[in-house]
Amino acid sequence: MMLRLTNVLLLLAFVMSAIGVIYSKHYNRMLYVELRGLQTTRDDLNVDWDRLQLEQSTWATHARVEGAARQRLAMRNVNYNEVIVVRP
């Protein structure tokens, strides 16, 4: 009787251990798939960030800003003869 109980307990422990291994492997695979997805997202965001930095540097060039100021705002260079200095 004791031998039968020991065998049943060992079988139960074996089955539980096998289920634990299966669950652990499945969970590991799910986490790996999530990791790969997040890495792909990170890589896509890095490409977008690099593109946006390049676009920002293009839009912020001195010549472009000066040209936009002249065209849209009708700005011009300072004529120093028109400058008035006010002293307190």
PDB file of N, CA and C in Angstrom:
ATOM      1  N   MET A   1       0.821  -1.188   0.000  1.00  0.00           N
ATOM      2  CA  MET A   1       0.000   0.000   0.000  1.00  0.00           C
ATOM      3  C   MET A   1       0.871   1.260   0.000  1.00  0.00           C
ATOM      4  N   MET A   2       1.902   1.269   0.810  1.00  0.00           N
ATOM      5  CA  MET A   2       2.794   2.422   0.883  1.00  0.00           C
ATOM      6  C   MET A   2       3.549   2.610  -0.428  1.00  0.00           C
ATOM      7  N   LEU A   3       3.936   1.510  -1.064  1.00  0.00           N
ATOM      8  CA  LEU A   3       4.642   1.575  -2.350  1.00  0.00           C
ATOM      9  C   LEU A   3       3.740   2.177  -3.426  1.00  0.00           C
ATOM     10  N   ARG A   4       2.454   1.782  -3.405  1.00  0.00           N
ATOM     11  CA  ARG A   4       1.498   2.303  -4.381  1.00  0.00           C
ATOM     12  C   ARG A   4       1.309   3.814  -4.170  1.00  0.00           C
ATOM     13  N   LEU A   5       1.198   4.263  -2.936  1.00  0.00           N
ATOM     14  CA  LEU A   5       1.046   5.675  -2.627  1.00  0.00           C
ATOM     15  C   LEU A   5       2.286   6.455  -3.043  1.00  0.00           C
ATOM     16  N   THR A   6       3.450   5.908  -2.823  1.00  0.00           N
ATOM     17  CA  THR A   6       4.699   6.546  -3.233  1.00  0.00           C
ATOM     18  C   THR A   6       4.755   6.680  -4.746  1.00  0.00           C
ATOM     19  N   ASN A   7       4.356   5.603  -5.447  1.00  0.00           N
ATOM     20  CA  ASN A   7       4.356   5.648  -6.922  1.00  0.00           C
ATOM     21  C   ASN A   7       3.376   6.694  -7.443  1.00  0.00           C
ATOM     22  N   VAL A   8       2.213   6.798  -6.836  1.00  0.00           N
ATOM     23  CA  VAL A   8       1.215   7.780  -7.265  1.00  0.00           C
ATOM     24  C   VAL A   8       1.742   9.198  -7.011  1.00  0.00           C
ATOM     25  N   LEU A   9       2.348   9.412  -5.851  1.00  0.00           N
ATOM     26  CA  LEU A   9       2.901  10.721  -5.550  1.00  0.00           C
ATOM     27  C   LEU A   9       4.041  11.079  -6.497  1.00  0.00           C
ATOM     28  N   LEU A  10       4.890  10.106  -6.800  1.00  0.00           N
ATOM     29  CA  LEU A  10       5.979  10.361  -7.757  1.00  0.00           C
ATOM     30  C   LEU A  10       5.436  10.643  -9.150  1.00  0.00           C
ATOM     31  N   LEU A  11       4.407   9.920  -9.561  1.00  0.00           N
ATOM     32  CA  LEU A  11       3.784  10.167 -10.867  1.00  0.00           C
ATOM     33  C   LEU A  11       3.156  11.560 -10.897  1.00  0.00           C
ATOM     34  N   LEU A  12       2.486  11.916  -9.828  1.00  0.00           N
ATOM     35  CA  LEU A  12       1.883  13.236  -9.744  1.00  0.00           C
ATOM     36  C   LEU A  12       2.954  14.329  -9.792  1.00  0.00           C
ATOM     37  N   ALA A  13       4.054  14.142  -9.076  1.00  0.00           N
ATOM     38  CA  ALA A  13       5.156  15.107  -9.100  1.00  0.00           C
ATOM     39  C   ALA A  13       5.765  15.189 -10.493  1.00  0.00           C
ATOM     40  N   PHE A  14       5.900  14.048 -11.153  1.00  0.00           N
ATOM     41  CA  PHE A  14       6.442  14.025 -12.521  1.00  0.00           C
ATOM     42  C   PHE A  14       5.533  14.791 -13.481  1.00  0.00           C
ATOM     43  N   VAL A  15       4.239  14.563 -13.401  1.00  0.00           N
ATOM     44  CA  VAL A  15       3.280  15.238 -14.286  1.00  0.00           C
ATOM     45  C   VAL A  15       3.282  16.749 -14.008  1.00  0.00           C
ATOM     46  N   MET A  16       3.283  17.124 -12.743  1.00  0.00           N
ATOM     47  CA  MET A  16       3.306  18.544 -12.401  1.00  0.00           C
ATOM     48  C   MET A  16       4.600  19.203 -12.884  1.00  0.00           C
ATOM     49  N   SER A  17       5.707  18.506 -12.749  1.00  0.00           N
ATOM     50  CA  SER A  17       6.982  19.029 -13.225  1.00  0.00           C
ATOM     51  C   SER A  17       6.956  19.212 -14.741  1.00  0.00           C
ATOM     52  N   ALA A  18       6.400  18.235 -15.455  1.00  0.00           N
ATOM     53  CA  ALA A  18       6.310  18.325 -16.913  1.00  0.00           C
ATOM     54  C   ALA A  18       5.420  19.495 -17.326  1.00  0.00           C
ATOM     55  N   ILE A  19       4.316  19.674 -16.632  1.00  0.00           N
ATOM     56  CA  ILE A  19       3.424  20.802 -16.935  1.00  0.00           C
ATOM     57  C   ILE A  19       4.140  22.121 -16.662  1.00  0.00           C
ATOM     58  N   GLY A  20       4.904  22.169 -15.587  1.00  0.00           N
ATOM     59  CA  GLY A  20       5.671  23.370 -15.271  1.00  0.00           C
ATOM     60  C   GLY A  20       6.691  23.702 -16.349  1.00  0.00           C
ATOM     61  N   VAL A  21       7.369  22.677 -16.858  1.00  0.00           N
ATOM     62  CA  VAL A  21       8.353  22.895 -17.922  1.00  0.00           C
ATOM     63  C   VAL A  21       7.660  23.394 -19.184  1.00  0.00           C
ATOM     64  N   ILE A  22       6.538  22.797 -19.529  1.00  0.00           N
ATOM     65  CA  ILE A  22       5.789  23.205 -20.727  1.00  0.00           C
ATOM     66  C   ILE A  22       5.326  24.652 -20.585  1.00  0.00           C
ATOM     67  N   TYR A  23       4.774  24.998 -19.419  1.00  0.00           N
ATOM     68  CA  TYR A  23       4.311  26.369 -19.186  1.00  0.00           C
ATOM     69  C   TYR A  23       5.476  27.345 -19.257  1.00  0.00           C
ATOM     70  N   SER A  24       6.599  26.970 -18.657  1.00  0.00           N
ATOM     71  CA  SER A  24       7.770  27.842 -18.651  1.00  0.00           C
ATOM     72  C   SER A  24       8.276  28.092 -20.072  1.00  0.00           C
ATOM     73  N   LYS A  25       8.342  27.050 -20.883  1.00  0.00           N
ATOM     74  CA  LYS A  25       8.795  27.214 -22.274  1.00  0.00           C
ATOM     75  C   LYS A  25       7.814  28.071 -23.070  1.00  0.00           C
ATOM     76  N   HIS A  26       6.536  27.845 -22.873  1.00  0.00           N
ATOM     77  CA  HIS A  26       5.525  28.631 -23.592  1.00  0.00           C
ATOM     78  C   HIS A  26       5.608  30.104 -23.197  1.00  0.00           C
ATOM     79  N   TYR A  27       5.727  30.371 -21.912  1.00  0.00           N
ATOM     80  CA  TYR A  27       5.831  31.750 -21.429  1.00  0.00           C
ATOM     81  C   TYR A  27       7.095  32.414 -21.963  1.00  0.00           C
ATOM     82  N   ASN A  28       8.194  31.666 -21.989  1.00  0.00           N
ATOM     83  CA  ASN A  28       9.453  32.174 -22.532  1.00  0.00           C
ATOM     84  C   ASN A  28       9.293  32.539 -24.003  1.00  0.00           C
ATOM     85  N   ARG A  29       8.618  31.716 -24.766  1.00  0.00           N
ATOM     86  CA  ARG A  29       8.399  32.005 -26.193  1.00  0.00           C
ATOM     87  C   ARG A  29       7.520  33.238 -26.373  1.00  0.00           C
ATOM     88  N   MET A  30       6.490  33.362 -25.539  1.00  0.00           N
ATOM     89  CA  MET A  30       5.622  34.543 -25.634  1.00  0.00           C
ATOM     90  C   MET A  30       6.415  35.812 -25.331  1.00  0.00           C
ATOM     91  N   LEU A  31       7.261  35.772 -24.311  1.00  0.00           N
ATOM     92  CA  LEU A  31       8.077  36.936 -23.979  1.00  0.00           C
ATOM     93  C   LEU A  31       9.073  37.254 -25.087  1.00  0.00           C
ATOM     94  N   TYR A  32       9.632  36.222 -25.726  1.00  0.00           N
ATOM     95  CA  TYR A  32      10.587  36.442 -26.811  1.00  0.00           C
ATOM     96  C   TYR A  32       9.894  37.103 -28.007  1.00  0.00           C
ATOM     97  N   VAL A  33       8.689  36.644 -28.322  1.00  0.00           N
ATOM     98  CA  VAL A  33       7.933  37.254 -29.424  1.00  0.00           C
ATOM     99  C   VAL A  33       7.635  38.713 -29.100  1.00  0.00           C
ATOM    100  N   GLU A  34       7.250  38.989 -27.858  1.00  0.00           N
ATOM    101  CA  GLU A  34       6.991  40.375 -27.458  1.00  0.00           C
ATOM    102  C   GLU A  34       8.266  41.215 -27.536  1.00  0.00           C
ATOM    103  N   LEU A  35       9.387  40.636 -27.103  1.00  0.00           N
ATOM    104  CA  LEU A  35      10.668  41.339 -27.180  1.00  0.00           C
ATOM    105  C   LEU A  35      11.019  41.683 -28.617  1.00  0.00           C
ATOM    106  N   ARG A  36      10.870  40.740 -29.529  1.00  0.00           N
ATOM    107  CA  ARG A  36      11.181  41.000 -30.936  1.00  0.00           C
ATOM    108  C   ARG A  36      10.272  42.092 -31.497  1.00  0.00           C
ATOM    109  N   GLY A  37       9.002  42.075 -31.121  1.00  0.00           N
ATOM    110  CA  GLY A  37       8.086  43.120 -31.576  1.00  0.00           C
ATOM    111  C   GLY A  37       8.499  44.487 -31.052  1.00  0.00           C
ATOM    112  N   LEU A  38       8.889  44.546 -29.778  1.00  0.00           N
ATOM    113  CA  LEU A  38       9.328  45.814 -29.208  1.00  0.00           C
ATOM    114  C   LEU A  38      10.636  46.289 -29.831  1.00  0.00           C
ATOM    115  N   GLN A  39      11.522  45.367 -30.153  1.00  0.00           N
ATOM    116  CA  GLN A  39      12.775  45.752 -30.812  1.00  0.00           C
ATOM    117  C   GLN A  39      12.502  46.291 -32.209  1.00  0.00           C
ATOM    118  N   THR A  40      11.564  45.684 -32.913  1.00  0.00           N
ATOM    119  CA  THR A  40      11.190  46.177 -34.239  1.00  0.00           C
ATOM    120  C   THR A  40      10.589  47.579 -34.137  1.00  0.00           C
ATOM    121  N   THR A  41       9.724  47.779 -33.138  1.00  0.00           N
ATOM    122  CA  THR A  41       9.141  49.104 -32.912  1.00  0.00           C
ATOM    123  C   THR A  41      10.227  50.116 -32.592  1.00  0.00           C
ATOM    124  N   ARG A  42      11.189  49.718 -31.737  1.00  0.00           N
ATOM    125  CA  ARG A  42      12.298  50.609 -31.379  1.00  0.00           C
ATOM    126  C   ARG A  42      13.100  50.989 -32.619  1.00  0.00           C
ATOM    127  N   ASP A  43      13.389  49.998 -33.463  1.00  0.00           N
ATOM    128  CA  ASP A  43      14.161  50.278 -34.674  1.00  0.00           C
ATOM    129  C   ASP A  43      13.404  51.223 -35.605  1.00  0.00           C
ATOM    130  N   ASP A  44      12.089  51.009 -35.745  1.00  0.00           N
ATOM    131  CA  ASP A  44      11.273  51.896 -36.586  1.00  0.00           C
ATOM    132  C   ASP A  44      11.264  53.316 -36.021  1.00  0.00           C
ATOM    133  N   LEU A  45      11.160  53.426 -34.701  1.00  0.00           N
ATOM    134  CA  LEU A  45      11.163  54.751 -34.085  1.00  0.00           C
ATOM    135  C   LEU A  45      12.524  55.435 -34.231  1.00  0.00           C
ATOM    136  N   ASN A  46      13.603  54.663 -34.168  1.00  0.00           N
ATOM    137  CA  ASN A  46      14.932  55.248 -34.375  1.00  0.00           C
ATOM    138  C   ASN A  46      15.084  55.781 -35.799  1.00  0.00           C
ATOM    139  N   VAL A  47      14.551  55.044 -36.765  1.00  0.00           N
ATOM    140  CA  VAL A  47      14.603  55.516 -38.160  1.00  0.00           C
ATOM    141  C   VAL A  47      13.797  56.804 -38.299  1.00  0.00           C
ATOM    142  N   ASP A  48      12.600  56.825 -37.694  1.00  0.00           N
ATOM    143  CA  ASP A  48      11.781  58.045 -37.745  1.00  0.00           C
ATOM    144  C   ASP A  48      12.495  59.212 -37.063  1.00  0.00           C
ATOM    145  N   TRP A  49      13.126  58.964 -35.915  1.00  0.00           N
ATOM    146  CA  TRP A  49      13.840  60.008 -35.176  1.00  0.00           C
ATOM    147  C   TRP A  49      14.978  60.579 -36.025  1.00  0.00           C
ATOM    148  N   ASP A  50      15.742  59.699 -36.668  1.00  0.00           N
ATOM    149  CA  ASP A  50      16.835  60.169 -37.522  1.00  0.00           C
ATOM    150  C   ASP A  50      16.305  61.011 -38.681  1.00  0.00           C
ATOM    151  N   ARG A  51      15.201  60.567 -39.267  1.00  0.00           N
ATOM    152  CA  ARG A  51      14.602  61.312 -40.379  1.00  0.00           C
ATOM    153  C   ARG A  51      14.114  62.677 -39.912  1.00  0.00           C
ATOM    154  N   LEU A  52      13.496  62.721 -38.739  1.00  0.00           N
ATOM    155  CA  LEU A  52      13.000  63.993 -38.213  1.00  0.00           C
ATOM    156  C   LEU A  52      14.142  64.937 -37.845  1.00  0.00           C
ATOM    157  N   GLN A  53      15.232  64.407 -37.327  1.00  0.00           N
ATOM    158  CA  GLN A  53      16.380  65.263 -37.023  1.00  0.00           C
ATOM    159  C   GLN A  53      16.968  65.845 -38.300  1.00  0.00           C
ATOM    160  N   LEU A  54      17.053  65.035 -39.353  1.00  0.00           N
ATOM    161  CA  LEU A  54      17.544  65.528 -40.633  1.00  0.00           C
ATOM    162  C   LEU A  54      16.607  66.593 -41.194  1.00  0.00           C
ATOM    163  N   GLU A  55      15.309  66.349 -41.102  1.00  0.00           N
ATOM    164  CA  GLU A  55      14.335  67.330 -41.580  1.00  0.00           C
ATOM    165  C   GLU A  55      14.425  68.631 -40.778  1.00  0.00           C
ATOM    166  N   GLN A  56      14.593  68.515 -39.461  1.00  0.00           N
ATOM    167  CA  GLN A  56      14.711  69.708 -38.625  1.00  0.00           C
ATOM    168  C   GLN A  56      15.955  70.502 -38.995  1.00  0.00           C
ATOM    169  N   SER A  57      17.061  69.820 -39.206  1.00  0.00           N
ATOM    170  CA  SER A  57      18.286  70.544 -39.559  1.00  0.00           C
ATOM    171  C   SER A  57      18.140  71.207 -40.926  1.00  0.00           C
ATOM    172  N   THR A  58      17.387  70.602 -41.823  1.00  0.00           N
ATOM    173  CA  THR A  58      17.147  71.211 -43.136  1.00  0.00           C
ATOM    174  C   THR A  58      16.288  72.463 -42.995  1.00  0.00           C
ATOM    175  N   TRP A  59      15.228  72.379 -42.200  1.00  0.00           N
ATOM    176  CA  TRP A  59      14.330  73.521 -42.035  1.00  0.00           C
ATOM    177  C   TRP A  59      14.978  74.646 -41.239  1.00  0.00           C
ATOM    178  N   ALA A  60      15.964  74.336 -40.419  1.00  0.00           N
ATOM    179  CA  ALA A  60      16.540  75.351 -39.535  1.00  0.00           C
ATOM    180  C   ALA A  60      17.825  75.967 -40.073  1.00  0.00           C
ATOM    181  N   THR A  61      18.158  75.721 -41.331  1.00  0.00           N
ATOM    182  CA  THR A  61      19.376  76.329 -41.867  1.00  0.00           C
ATOM    183  C   THR A  61      19.219  77.847 -41.905  1.00  0.00           C
ATOM    184  N   HIS A  62      20.329  78.521 -41.737  1.00  0.00           N
ATOM    185  CA  HIS A  62      20.309  79.985 -41.668  1.00  0.00           C
ATOM    186  C   HIS A  62      19.729  80.592 -42.948  1.00  0.00           C
ATOM    187  N   ALA A  63      20.120  80.068 -44.080  1.00  0.00           N
ATOM    188  CA  ALA A  63      19.650  80.632 -45.353  1.00  0.00           C
ATOM    189  C   ALA A  63      18.140  80.469 -45.491  1.00  0.00           C
ATOM    190  N   ARG A  64      17.615  79.339 -45.070  1.00  0.00           N
ATOM    191  CA  ARG A  64      16.174  79.108 -45.192  1.00  0.00           C
ATOM    192  C   ARG A  64      15.397  80.028 -44.259  1.00  0.00           C
ATOM    193  N   VAL A  65      15.864  80.184 -43.022  1.00  0.00           N
ATOM    194  CA  VAL A  65      15.183  81.057 -42.065  1.00  0.00           C
ATOM    195  C   VAL A  65      15.239  82.500 -42.553  1.00  0.00           C
ATOM    196  N   GLU A  66      16.383  82.899 -43.059  1.00  0.00           N
ATOM    197  CA  GLU A  66      16.515  84.270 -43.551  1.00  0.00           C
ATOM    198  C   GLU A  66      15.608  84.498 -44.764  1.00  0.00           C
ATOM    199  N   GLY A  67      15.556  83.537 -45.666  1.00  0.00           N
ATOM    200  CA  GLY A  67      14.683  83.668 -46.833  1.00  0.00           C
ATOM    201  C   GLY A  67      13.224  83.738 -46.439  1.00  0.00           C
ATOM    202  N   ALA A  68      12.811  82.935 -45.480  1.00  0.00           N
ATOM    203  CA  ALA A  68      11.415  82.972 -45.024  1.00  0.00           C
ATOM    204  C   ALA A  68      11.116  84.296 -44.342  1.00  0.00           C
ATOM    205  N   ALA A  69      12.061  84.821 -43.585  1.00  0.00           N
ATOM    206  CA  ALA A  69      11.848  86.108 -42.922  1.00  0.00           C
ATOM    207  C   ALA A  69      11.695  87.223 -43.953  1.00  0.00           C
ATOM    208  N   ARG A  70      12.476  87.184 -45.002  1.00  0.00           N
ATOM    209  CA  ARG A  70      12.376  88.219 -46.044  1.00  0.00           C
ATOM    210  C   ARG A  70      11.060  88.100 -46.809  1.00  0.00           C
ATOM    211  N   GLN A  71      10.662  86.879 -47.158  1.00  0.00           N
ATOM    212  CA  GLN A  71       9.463  86.698 -47.977  1.00  0.00           C
ATOM    213  C   GLN A  71       8.178  86.891 -47.184  1.00  0.00           C
ATOM    214  N   ARG A  72       8.029  86.168 -46.111  1.00  0.00           N
ATOM    215  CA  ARG A  72       6.756  86.161 -45.389  1.00  0.00           C
ATOM    216  C   ARG A  72       6.596  87.345 -44.442  1.00  0.00           C
ATOM    217  N   LEU A  73       7.679  87.781 -43.840  1.00  0.00           N
ATOM    218  CA  LEU A  73       7.581  88.840 -42.846  1.00  0.00           C
ATOM    219  C   LEU A  73       8.098  90.179 -43.353  1.00  0.00           C
ATOM    220  N   ALA A  74       8.568  90.213 -44.577  1.00  0.00           N
ATOM    221  CA  ALA A  74       9.105  91.419 -45.194  1.00  0.00           C
ATOM    222  C   ALA A  74      10.200  92.040 -44.325  1.00  0.00           C
ATOM    223  N   MET A  75      11.011  91.202 -43.730  1.00  0.00           N
ATOM    224  CA  MET A  75      12.112  91.697 -42.914  1.00  0.00           C
ATOM    225  C   MET A  75      13.292  92.036 -43.806  1.00  0.00           C
ATOM    226  N   ARG A  76      14.161  92.888 -43.316  1.00  0.00           N
ATOM    227  CA  ARG A  76      15.343  93.268 -44.077  1.00  0.00           C
ATOM    228  C   ARG A  76      16.491  93.490 -43.109  1.00  0.00           C
ATOM    229  N   ASN A  77      17.682  93.647 -43.644  1.00  0.00           N
ATOM    230  CA  ASN A  77      18.839  93.930 -42.806  1.00  0.00           C
ATOM    231  C   ASN A  77      18.719  95.330 -42.223  1.00  0.00           C
ATOM    232  N   VAL A  78      19.352  95.524 -41.094  1.00  0.00           N
ATOM    233  CA  VAL A  78      19.273  96.803 -40.395  1.00  0.00           C
ATOM    234  C   VAL A  78      20.112  97.845 -41.128  1.00  0.00           C
ATOM    235  N   ASN A  79      19.524  99.000 -41.337  1.00  0.00           N
ATOM    236  CA  ASN A  79      20.267 100.137 -41.850  1.00  0.00           C
ATOM    237  C   ASN A  79      20.707 100.932 -40.629  1.00  0.00           C
ATOM    238  N   TYR A  80      21.999 100.946 -40.385  1.00  0.00           N
ATOM    239  CA  TYR A  80      22.504 101.548 -39.154  1.00  0.00           C
ATOM    240  C   TYR A  80      22.257 103.056 -39.076  1.00  0.00           C
ATOM    241  N   ASN A  81      21.952 103.697 -40.177  1.00  0.00           N
ATOM    242  CA  ASN A  81      21.608 105.118 -40.150  1.00  0.00           C
ATOM    243  C   ASN A  81      20.231 105.340 -39.523  1.00  0.00           C
ATOM    244  N   GLU A  82      19.410 104.290 -39.496  1.00  0.00           N
ATOM    245  CA  GLU A  82      18.062 104.404 -38.948  1.00  0.00           C
ATOM    246  C   GLU A  82      18.001 104.007 -37.474  1.00  0.00           C
ATOM    247  N   VAL A  83      19.093 103.562 -36.912  1.00  0.00           N
ATOM    248  CA  VAL A  83      19.104 103.103 -35.521  1.00  0.00           C
ATOM    249  C   VAL A  83      19.183 104.305 -34.594  1.00  0.00           C
ATOM    250  N   ILE A  84      18.309 104.305 -33.597  1.00  0.00           N
ATOM    251  CA  ILE A  84      18.295 105.350 -32.585  1.00  0.00           C
ATOM    252  C   ILE A  84      18.637 104.712 -31.245  1.00  0.00           C
ATOM    253  N   VAL A  85      19.644 105.246 -30.585  1.00  0.00           N
ATOM    254  CA  VAL A  85      20.056 104.730 -29.288  1.00  0.00           C
ATOM    255  C   VAL A  85      19.432 105.607 -28.214  1.00  0.00           C
ATOM    256  N   VAL A  86      18.715 105.000 -27.301  1.00  0.00           N
ATOM    257  CA  VAL A  86      18.065 105.735 -26.196  1.00  0.00           C
ATOM    258  C   VAL A  86      18.837 105.413 -24.941  1.00  0.00           C
ATOM    259  N   ARG A  87      19.321 106.443 -24.296  1.00  0.00           N
ATOM    260  CA  ARG A  87      20.075 106.251 -23.057  1.00  0.00           C
ATOM    261  C   ARG A  87      19.250 106.736 -21.884  1.00  0.00           C
ATOM    262  N   PRO A  88      19.333 106.102 -20.750  1.00  0.00           N
ATOM    263  CA  PRO A  88      18.533 106.527 -19.606  1.00  0.00           C
ATOM    264  C   PRO A  88      19.028 107.803 -18.974  1.00  0.00           C
TER     265      PRO A  88
END
